[in-house]
Amino acid sequence: TGVGHVAYRCSSPEALARRVAAVE
């Protein structure tokens, strides 16, 4: 049992780029 992954849809391509930069 368990979860494979938790996914979030970002609000824009720019928001995705900002979050990726923060994670990296």
mmCIF file of all heavy atoms, coordinates in Angstrom:
data_MODEL
# 
_entry.id   MODEL 
# 
loop_
_atom_site.group_PDB 
_atom_site.id 
_atom_site.type_symbol 
_atom_site.label_atom_id 
_atom_site.label_alt_id 
_atom_site.label_comp_id 
_atom_site.label_asym_id 
_atom_site.label_entity_id 
_atom_site.label_seq_id 
_atom_site.pdbx_PDB_ins_code 
_atom_site.Cartn_x 
_atom_site.Cartn_y 
_atom_site.Cartn_z 
_atom_site.occupancy 
_atom_site.B_iso_or_equiv 
_atom_site.pdbx_formal_charge 
_atom_site.auth_seq_id 
_atom_site.auth_comp_id 
_atom_site.auth_asym_id 
_atom_site.auth_atom_id 
_atom_site.pdbx_PDB_model_num 
ATOM 1   N N   . THR A 1 1  ? 0.844  -1.188 0.000   1.00 0.00 ? 1  THR A N   1 
ATOM 2   C CA  . THR A 1 1  ? 0.000  0.000  0.000   1.00 0.00 ? 1  THR A CA  1 
ATOM 3   C C   . THR A 1 1  ? 0.882  1.242  0.000   1.00 0.00 ? 1  THR A C   1 
ATOM 4   O O   . THR A 1 1  ? 2.064  1.169  0.322   1.00 0.00 ? 1  THR A O   1 
ATOM 5   C CB  . THR A 1 1  ? -0.902 0.031  1.241   1.00 0.00 ? 1  THR A CB  1 
ATOM 6   O OG1 . THR A 1 1  ? -0.072 0.013  2.404   1.00 0.00 ? 1  THR A OG1 1 
ATOM 7   C CG2 . THR A 1 1  ? -1.847 -1.141 1.261   1.00 0.00 ? 1  THR A CG2 1 
ATOM 8   N N   . GLY A 1 2  ? 0.317  2.359  -0.339  1.00 0.00 ? 2  GLY A N   1 
ATOM 9   C CA  . GLY A 1 2  ? 1.072  3.601  -0.299  1.00 0.00 ? 2  GLY A CA  1 
ATOM 10  C C   . GLY A 1 2  ? 0.711  4.508  -1.448  1.00 0.00 ? 2  GLY A C   1 
ATOM 11  O O   . GLY A 1 2  ? -0.205 4.241  -2.222  1.00 0.00 ? 2  GLY A O   1 
ATOM 12  N N   . VAL A 1 3  ? 1.441  5.576  -1.559  1.00 0.00 ? 3  VAL A N   1 
ATOM 13  C CA  . VAL A 1 3  ? 1.236  6.543  -2.624  1.00 0.00 ? 3  VAL A CA  1 
ATOM 14  C C   . VAL A 1 3  ? 2.498  6.571  -3.486  1.00 0.00 ? 3  VAL A C   1 
ATOM 15  O O   . VAL A 1 3  ? 3.607  6.608  -2.962  1.00 0.00 ? 3  VAL A O   1 
ATOM 16  C CB  . VAL A 1 3  ? 0.885  7.937  -2.053  1.00 0.00 ? 3  VAL A CB  1 
ATOM 17  C CG1 . VAL A 1 3  ? 2.003  8.502  -1.209  1.00 0.00 ? 3  VAL A CG1 1 
ATOM 18  C CG2 . VAL A 1 3  ? 0.509  8.904  -3.140  1.00 0.00 ? 3  VAL A CG2 1 
ATOM 19  N N   . GLY A 1 4  ? 2.309  6.514  -4.803  1.00 0.00 ? 4  GLY A N   1 
ATOM 20  C CA  . GLY A 1 4  ? 3.452  6.567  -5.715  1.00 0.00 ? 4  GLY A CA  1 
ATOM 21  C C   . GLY A 1 4  ? 4.095  7.942  -5.717  1.00 0.00 ? 4  GLY A C   1 
ATOM 22  O O   . GLY A 1 4  ? 5.305  8.077  -5.641  1.00 0.00 ? 4  GLY A O   1 
ATOM 23  N N   . HIS A 1 5  ? 3.267  8.973  -5.808  1.00 0.00 ? 5  HIS A N   1 
ATOM 24  C CA  . HIS A 1 5  ? 3.745  10.343 -5.712  1.00 0.00 ? 5  HIS A CA  1 
ATOM 25  C C   . HIS A 1 5  ? 2.566  11.278 -5.472  1.00 0.00 ? 5  HIS A C   1 
ATOM 26  O O   . HIS A 1 5  ? 1.423  10.932 -5.733  1.00 0.00 ? 5  HIS A O   1 
ATOM 27  C CB  . HIS A 1 5  ? 4.531  10.765 -6.965  1.00 0.00 ? 5  HIS A CB  1 
ATOM 28  C CG  . HIS A 1 5  ? 3.704  10.878 -8.217  1.00 0.00 ? 5  HIS A CG  1 
ATOM 29  N ND1 . HIS A 1 5  ? 3.451  9.800  -9.035  1.00 0.00 ? 5  HIS A ND1 1 
ATOM 30  C CD2 . HIS A 1 5  ? 3.079  11.933 -8.771  1.00 0.00 ? 5  HIS A CD2 1 
ATOM 31  C CE1 . HIS A 1 5  ? 2.712  10.192 -10.055 1.00 0.00 ? 5  HIS A CE1 1 
ATOM 32  N NE2 . HIS A 1 5  ? 2.461  11.485 -9.921  1.00 0.00 ? 5  HIS A NE2 1 
ATOM 33  N N   . VAL A 1 6  ? 2.875  12.456 -4.968  1.00 0.00 ? 6  VAL A N   1 
ATOM 34  C CA  . VAL A 1 6  ? 1.901  13.515 -4.766  1.00 0.00 ? 6  VAL A CA  1 
ATOM 35  C C   . VAL A 1 6  ? 2.205  14.575 -5.816  1.00 0.00 ? 6  VAL A C   1 
ATOM 36  O O   . VAL A 1 6  ? 3.333  15.066 -5.888  1.00 0.00 ? 6  VAL A O   1 
ATOM 37  C CB  . VAL A 1 6  ? 1.996  14.126 -3.347  1.00 0.00 ? 6  VAL A CB  1 
ATOM 38  C CG1 . VAL A 1 6  ? 1.027  15.284 -3.185  1.00 0.00 ? 6  VAL A CG1 1 
ATOM 39  C CG2 . VAL A 1 6  ? 1.777  13.065 -2.288  1.00 0.00 ? 6  VAL A CG2 1 
ATOM 40  N N   . ALA A 1 7  ? 1.221  14.906 -6.659  1.00 0.00 ? 7  ALA A N   1 
ATOM 41  C CA  . ALA A 1 7  ? 1.451  15.849 -7.750  1.00 0.00 ? 7  ALA A CA  1 
ATOM 42  C C   . ALA A 1 7  ? 0.665  17.135 -7.539  1.00 0.00 ? 7  ALA A C   1 
ATOM 43  O O   . ALA A 1 7  ? -0.470 17.106 -7.073  1.00 0.00 ? 7  ALA A O   1 
ATOM 44  C CB  . ALA A 1 7  ? 1.068  15.216 -9.086  1.00 0.00 ? 7  ALA A CB  1 
ATOM 45  N N   . TYR A 1 8  ? 1.277  18.230 -7.912  1.00 0.00 ? 8  TYR A N   1 
ATOM 46  C CA  . TYR A 1 8  ? 0.639  19.537 -7.880  1.00 0.00 ? 8  TYR A CA  1 
ATOM 47  C C   . TYR A 1 8  ? 0.729  20.165 -9.263  1.00 0.00 ? 8  TYR A C   1 
ATOM 48  O O   . TYR A 1 8  ? 1.795  20.168 -9.873  1.00 0.00 ? 8  TYR A O   1 
ATOM 49  C CB  . TYR A 1 8  ? 1.356  20.493 -6.908  1.00 0.00 ? 8  TYR A CB  1 
ATOM 50  C CG  . TYR A 1 8  ? 1.066  20.241 -5.463  1.00 0.00 ? 8  TYR A CG  1 
ATOM 51  C CD1 . TYR A 1 8  ? 1.906  19.450 -4.693  1.00 0.00 ? 8  TYR A CD1 1 
ATOM 52  C CD2 . TYR A 1 8  ? -0.027 20.826 -4.844  1.00 0.00 ? 8  TYR A CD2 1 
ATOM 53  C CE1 . TYR A 1 8  ? 1.648  19.231 -3.351  1.00 0.00 ? 8  TYR A CE1 1 
ATOM 54  C CE2 . TYR A 1 8  ? -0.285 20.617 -3.498  1.00 0.00 ? 8  TYR A CE2 1 
ATOM 55  C CZ  . TYR A 1 8  ? 0.559  19.813 -2.764  1.00 0.00 ? 8  TYR A CZ  1 
ATOM 56  O OH  . TYR A 1 8  ? 0.306  19.612 -1.437  1.00 0.00 ? 8  TYR A OH  1 
ATOM 57  N N   . ARG A 1 9  ? -0.398 20.702 -9.726  1.00 0.00 ? 9  ARG A N   1 
ATOM 58  C CA  . ARG A 1 9  ? -0.377 21.481 -10.966 1.00 0.00 ? 9  ARG A CA  1 
ATOM 59  C C   . ARG A 1 9  ? -0.086 22.917 -10.581 1.00 0.00 ? 9  ARG A C   1 
ATOM 60  O O   . ARG A 1 9  ? -0.791 23.528 -9.762  1.00 0.00 ? 9  ARG A O   1 
ATOM 61  C CB  . ARG A 1 9  ? -1.711 21.411 -11.704 1.00 0.00 ? 9  ARG A CB  1 
ATOM 62  C CG  . ARG A 1 9  ? -1.665 22.201 -12.998 1.00 0.00 ? 9  ARG A CG  1 
ATOM 63  C CD  . ARG A 1 9  ? -2.931 22.021 -13.821 1.00 0.00 ? 9  ARG A CD  1 
ATOM 64  N NE  . ARG A 1 9  ? -2.749 22.633 -15.115 1.00 0.00 ? 9  ARG A NE  1 
ATOM 65  C CZ  . ARG A 1 9  ? -3.433 23.695 -15.538 1.00 0.00 ? 9  ARG A CZ  1 
ATOM 66  N NH1 . ARG A 1 9  ? -4.361 24.228 -14.763 1.00 0.00 ? 9  ARG A NH1 1 
ATOM 67  N NH2 . ARG A 1 9  ? -3.211 24.192 -16.735 1.00 0.00 ? 9  ARG A NH2 1 
ATOM 68  N N   . CYS A 1 10 ? 0.951  23.489 -11.163 1.00 0.00 ? 10 CYS A N   1 
ATOM 69  C CA  . CYS A 1 10 ? 1.314  24.879 -10.889 1.00 0.00 ? 10 CYS A CA  1 
ATOM 70  C C   . CYS A 1 10 ? 0.345  25.817 -11.606 1.00 0.00 ? 10 CYS A C   1 
ATOM 71  O O   . CYS A 1 10 ? -0.333 25.425 -12.546 1.00 0.00 ? 10 CYS A O   1 
ATOM 72  C CB  . CYS A 1 10 ? 2.747  25.134 -11.333 1.00 0.00 ? 10 CYS A CB  1 
ATOM 73  S SG  . CYS A 1 10 ? 3.954  24.205 -10.362 1.00 0.00 ? 10 CYS A SG  1 
ATOM 74  N N   . SER A 1 11 ? 0.293  27.051 -11.180 1.00 0.00 ? 11 SER A N   1 
ATOM 75  C CA  . SER A 1 11 ? -0.670 28.013 -11.715 1.00 0.00 ? 11 SER A CA  1 
ATOM 76  C C   . SER A 1 11 ? -0.270 28.586 -13.068 1.00 0.00 ? 11 SER A C   1 
ATOM 77  O O   . SER A 1 11 ? -1.096 29.198 -13.742 1.00 0.00 ? 11 SER A O   1 
ATOM 78  C CB  . SER A 1 11 ? -0.896 29.144 -10.709 1.00 0.00 ? 11 SER A CB  1 
ATOM 79  O OG  . SER A 1 11 ? 0.327  29.807 -10.454 1.00 0.00 ? 11 SER A OG  1 
ATOM 80  N N   . SER A 1 12 ? 0.976  28.387 -13.480 1.00 0.00 ? 12 SER A N   1 
ATOM 81  C CA  . SER A 1 12 ? 1.450  28.895 -14.771 1.00 0.00 ? 12 SER A CA  1 
ATOM 82  C C   . SER A 1 12 ? 2.800  28.258 -15.072 1.00 0.00 ? 12 SER A C   1 
ATOM 83  O O   . SER A 1 12 ? 3.443  27.701 -14.173 1.00 0.00 ? 12 SER A O   1 
ATOM 84  C CB  . SER A 1 12 ? 1.608  30.420 -14.715 1.00 0.00 ? 12 SER A CB  1 
ATOM 85  O OG  . SER A 1 12 ? 2.671  30.760 -13.832 1.00 0.00 ? 12 SER A OG  1 
ATOM 86  N N   . PRO A 1 13 ? 3.264  28.364 -16.310 1.00 0.00 ? 13 PRO A N   1 
ATOM 87  C CA  . PRO A 1 13 ? 4.619  27.873 -16.609 1.00 0.00 ? 13 PRO A CA  1 
ATOM 88  C C   . PRO A 1 13 ? 5.684  28.611 -15.797 1.00 0.00 ? 13 PRO A C   1 
ATOM 89  O O   . PRO A 1 13 ? 6.677  28.021 -15.371 1.00 0.00 ? 13 PRO A O   1 
ATOM 90  C CB  . PRO A 1 13 ? 4.784  28.148 -18.106 1.00 0.00 ? 13 PRO A CB  1 
ATOM 91  C CG  . PRO A 1 13 ? 3.408  28.293 -18.648 1.00 0.00 ? 13 PRO A CG  1 
ATOM 92  C CD  . PRO A 1 13 ? 2.569  28.824 -17.512 1.00 0.00 ? 13 PRO A CD  1 
ATOM 93  N N   . GLU A 1 14 ? 5.451  29.891 -15.553 1.00 0.00 ? 14 GLU A N   1 
ATOM 94  C CA  . GLU A 1 14 ? 6.404  30.682 -14.771 1.00 0.00 ? 14 GLU A CA  1 
ATOM 95  C C   . GLU A 1 14 ? 6.434  30.218 -13.318 1.00 0.00 ? 14 GLU A C   1 
ATOM 96  O O   . GLU A 1 14 ? 7.500  30.164 -12.694 1.00 0.00 ? 14 GLU A O   1 
ATOM 97  C CB  . GLU A 1 14 ? 6.049  32.177 -14.849 1.00 0.00 ? 14 GLU A CB  1 
ATOM 98  C CG  . GLU A 1 14 ? 6.146  32.774 -16.235 1.00 0.00 ? 14 GLU A CG  1 
ATOM 99  C CD  . GLU A 1 14 ? 4.968  32.467 -17.152 1.00 0.00 ? 14 GLU A CD  1 
ATOM 100 O OE1 . GLU A 1 14 ? 3.900  32.030 -16.664 1.00 0.00 ? 14 GLU A OE1 1 
ATOM 101 O OE2 . GLU A 1 14 ? 5.114  32.658 -18.373 1.00 0.00 ? 14 GLU A OE2 1 
ATOM 102 N N   . ALA A 1 15 ? 5.266  29.896 -12.757 1.00 0.00 ? 15 ALA A N   1 
ATOM 103 C CA  . ALA A 1 15 ? 5.212  29.387 -11.383 1.00 0.00 ? 15 ALA A CA  1 
ATOM 104 C C   . ALA A 1 15 ? 5.938  28.051 -11.290 1.00 0.00 ? 15 ALA A C   1 
ATOM 105 O O   . ALA A 1 15 ? 6.651  27.795 -10.310 1.00 0.00 ? 15 ALA A O   1 
ATOM 106 C CB  . ALA A 1 15 ? 3.760  29.245 -10.927 1.00 0.00 ? 15 ALA A CB  1 
ATOM 107 N N   . LEU A 1 16 ? 5.776  27.206 -12.302 1.00 0.00 ? 16 LEU A N   1 
ATOM 108 C CA  . LEU A 1 16 ? 6.499  25.933 -12.331 1.00 0.00 ? 16 LEU A CA  1 
ATOM 109 C C   . LEU A 1 16 ? 8.004  26.186 -12.333 1.00 0.00 ? 16 LEU A C   1 
ATOM 110 O O   . LEU A 1 16 ? 8.742  25.561 -11.558 1.00 0.00 ? 16 LEU A O   1 
ATOM 111 C CB  . LEU A 1 16 ? 6.084  25.107 -13.550 1.00 0.00 ? 16 LEU A CB  1 
ATOM 112 C CG  . LEU A 1 16 ? 6.864  23.821 -13.797 1.00 0.00 ? 16 LEU A CG  1 
ATOM 113 C CD1 . LEU A 1 16 ? 6.757  22.857 -12.625 1.00 0.00 ? 16 LEU A CD1 1 
ATOM 114 C CD2 . LEU A 1 16 ? 6.388  23.154 -15.089 1.00 0.00 ? 16 LEU A CD2 1 
ATOM 115 N N   . ALA A 1 17 ? 8.463  27.103 -13.155 1.00 0.00 ? 17 ALA A N   1 
ATOM 116 C CA  . ALA A 1 17 ? 9.906  27.417 -13.215 1.00 0.00 ? 17 ALA A CA  1 
ATOM 117 C C   . ALA A 1 17 ? 10.415 27.934 -11.871 1.00 0.00 ? 17 ALA A C   1 
ATOM 118 O O   . ALA A 1 17 ? 11.514 27.559 -11.436 1.00 0.00 ? 17 ALA A O   1 
ATOM 119 C CB  . ALA A 1 17 ? 10.167 28.441 -14.317 1.00 0.00 ? 17 ALA A CB  1 
ATOM 120 N N   . ARG A 1 18 ? 9.620  28.756 -11.190 1.00 0.00 ? 18 ARG A N   1 
ATOM 121 C CA  . ARG A 1 18 ? 10.032 29.275 -9.872  1.00 0.00 ? 18 ARG A CA  1 
ATOM 122 C C   . ARG A 1 18 ? 10.141 28.157 -8.843  1.00 0.00 ? 18 ARG A C   1 
ATOM 123 O O   . ARG A 1 18 ? 11.083 28.107 -8.059  1.00 0.00 ? 18 ARG A O   1 
ATOM 124 C CB  . ARG A 1 18 ? 9.049  30.342 -9.390  1.00 0.00 ? 18 ARG A CB  1 
ATOM 125 C CG  . ARG A 1 18 ? 9.153  31.667 -10.116 1.00 0.00 ? 18 ARG A CG  1 
ATOM 126 C CD  . ARG A 1 18 ? 8.358  32.767 -9.415  1.00 0.00 ? 18 ARG A CD  1 
ATOM 127 N NE  . ARG A 1 18 ? 6.949  32.467 -9.263  1.00 0.00 ? 18 ARG A NE  1 
ATOM 128 C CZ  . ARG A 1 18 ? 6.010  32.756 -10.170 1.00 0.00 ? 18 ARG A CZ  1 
ATOM 129 N NH1 . ARG A 1 18 ? 6.343  33.353 -11.298 1.00 0.00 ? 18 ARG A NH1 1 
ATOM 130 N NH2 . ARG A 1 18 ? 4.740  32.467 -9.940  1.00 0.00 ? 18 ARG A NH2 1 
ATOM 131 N N   . ARG A 1 19 ? 9.171  27.244 -8.832  1.00 0.00 ? 19 ARG A N   1 
ATOM 132 C CA  . ARG A 1 19 ? 9.196  26.134 -7.874  1.00 0.00 ? 19 ARG A CA  1 
ATOM 133 C C   . ARG A 1 19 ? 10.362 25.200 -8.174  1.00 0.00 ? 19 ARG A C   1 
ATOM 134 O O   . ARG A 1 19 ? 11.029 24.729 -7.253  1.00 0.00 ? 19 ARG A O   1 
ATOM 135 C CB  . ARG A 1 19 ? 7.880  25.354 -7.902  1.00 0.00 ? 19 ARG A CB  1 
ATOM 136 C CG  . ARG A 1 19 ? 6.712  26.018 -7.242  1.00 0.00 ? 19 ARG A CG  1 
ATOM 137 C CD  . ARG A 1 19 ? 6.886  26.142 -5.723  1.00 0.00 ? 19 ARG A CD  1 
ATOM 138 N NE  . ARG A 1 19 ? 7.321  27.471 -5.371  1.00 0.00 ? 19 ARG A NE  1 
ATOM 139 C CZ  . ARG A 1 19 ? 8.058  27.796 -4.328  1.00 0.00 ? 19 ARG A CZ  1 
ATOM 140 N NH1 . ARG A 1 19 ? 8.457  26.895 -3.476  1.00 0.00 ? 19 ARG A NH1 1 
ATOM 141 N NH2 . ARG A 1 19 ? 8.433  29.022 -4.091  1.00 0.00 ? 19 ARG A NH2 1 
ATOM 142 N N   . VAL A 1 20 ? 10.608 24.905 -9.448  1.00 0.00 ? 20 VAL A N   1 
ATOM 143 C CA  . VAL A 1 20 ? 11.735 24.041 -9.826  1.00 0.00 ? 20 VAL A CA  1 
ATOM 144 C C   . VAL A 1 20 ? 13.043 24.671 -9.361  1.00 0.00 ? 20 VAL A C   1 
ATOM 145 O O   . VAL A 1 20 ? 13.904 23.997 -8.789  1.00 0.00 ? 20 VAL A O   1 
ATOM 146 C CB  . VAL A 1 20 ? 11.757 23.765 -11.343 1.00 0.00 ? 20 VAL A CB  1 
ATOM 147 C CG1 . VAL A 1 20 ? 13.070 23.134 -11.783 1.00 0.00 ? 20 VAL A CG1 1 
ATOM 148 C CG2 . VAL A 1 20 ? 10.576 22.873 -11.733 1.00 0.00 ? 20 VAL A CG2 1 
ATOM 149 N N   . ALA A 1 21 ? 13.197 25.976 -9.562  1.00 0.00 ? 21 ALA A N   1 
ATOM 150 C CA  . ALA A 1 21 ? 14.410 26.673 -9.114  1.00 0.00 ? 21 ALA A CA  1 
ATOM 151 C C   . ALA A 1 21 ? 14.563 26.581 -7.599  1.00 0.00 ? 21 ALA A C   1 
ATOM 152 O O   . ALA A 1 21 ? 15.674 26.372 -7.089  1.00 0.00 ? 21 ALA A O   1 
ATOM 153 C CB  . ALA A 1 21 ? 14.375 28.129 -9.565  1.00 0.00 ? 21 ALA A CB  1 
ATOM 154 N N   . ALA A 1 22 ? 13.454 26.702 -6.860  1.00 0.00 ? 22 ALA A N   1 
ATOM 155 C CA  . ALA A 1 22 ? 13.514 26.608 -5.397  1.00 0.00 ? 22 ALA A CA  1 
ATOM 156 C C   . ALA A 1 22 ? 13.930 25.212 -4.957  1.00 0.00 ? 22 ALA A C   1 
ATOM 157 O O   . ALA A 1 22 ? 14.747 25.061 -4.038  1.00 0.00 ? 22 ALA A O   1 
ATOM 158 C CB  . ALA A 1 22 ? 12.154 26.972 -4.791  1.00 0.00 ? 22 ALA A CB  1 
ATOM 159 N N   . VAL A 1 23 ? 13.387 24.190 -5.602  1.00 0.00 ? 23 VAL A N   1 
ATOM 160 C CA  . VAL A 1 23 ? 13.750 22.810 -5.247  1.00 0.00 ? 23 VAL A CA  1 
ATOM 161 C C   . VAL A 1 23 ? 15.217 22.557 -5.573  1.00 0.00 ? 23 VAL A C   1 
ATOM 162 O O   . VAL A 1 23 ? 15.960 21.983 -4.768  1.00 0.00 ? 23 VAL A O   1 
ATOM 163 C CB  . VAL A 1 23 ? 12.842 21.790 -5.973  1.00 0.00 ? 23 VAL A CB  1 
ATOM 164 C CG1 . VAL A 1 23 ? 13.321 20.365 -5.727  1.00 0.00 ? 23 VAL A CG1 1 
ATOM 165 C CG2 . VAL A 1 23 ? 11.397 21.945 -5.529  1.00 0.00 ? 23 VAL A CG2 1 
ATOM 166 N N   . GLU A 1 24 ? 15.650 22.973 -6.757  1.00 0.00 ? 24 GLU A N   1 
ATOM 167 C CA  . GLU A 1 24 ? 17.045 22.743 -7.159  1.00 0.00 ? 24 GLU A CA  1 
ATOM 168 C C   . GLU A 1 24 ? 18.029 23.475 -6.261  1.00 0.00 ? 24 GLU A C   1 
ATOM 169 O O   . GLU A 1 24 ? 19.141 22.996 -6.041  1.00 0.00 ? 24 GLU A O   1 
ATOM 170 C CB  . GLU A 1 24 ? 17.245 23.142 -8.620  1.00 0.00 ? 24 GLU A CB  1 
ATOM 171 C CG  . GLU A 1 24 ? 16.558 22.192 -9.580  1.00 0.00 ? 24 GLU A CG  1 
ATOM 172 C CD  . GLU A 1 24 ? 16.727 22.564 -11.038 1.00 0.00 ? 24 GLU A CD  1 
ATOM 173 O OE1 . GLU A 1 24 ? 16.832 23.780 -11.351 1.00 0.00 ? 24 GLU A OE1 1 
ATOM 174 O OE2 . GLU A 1 24 ? 16.736 21.642 -11.863 1.00 0.00 ? 24 GLU A OE2 1 
# 
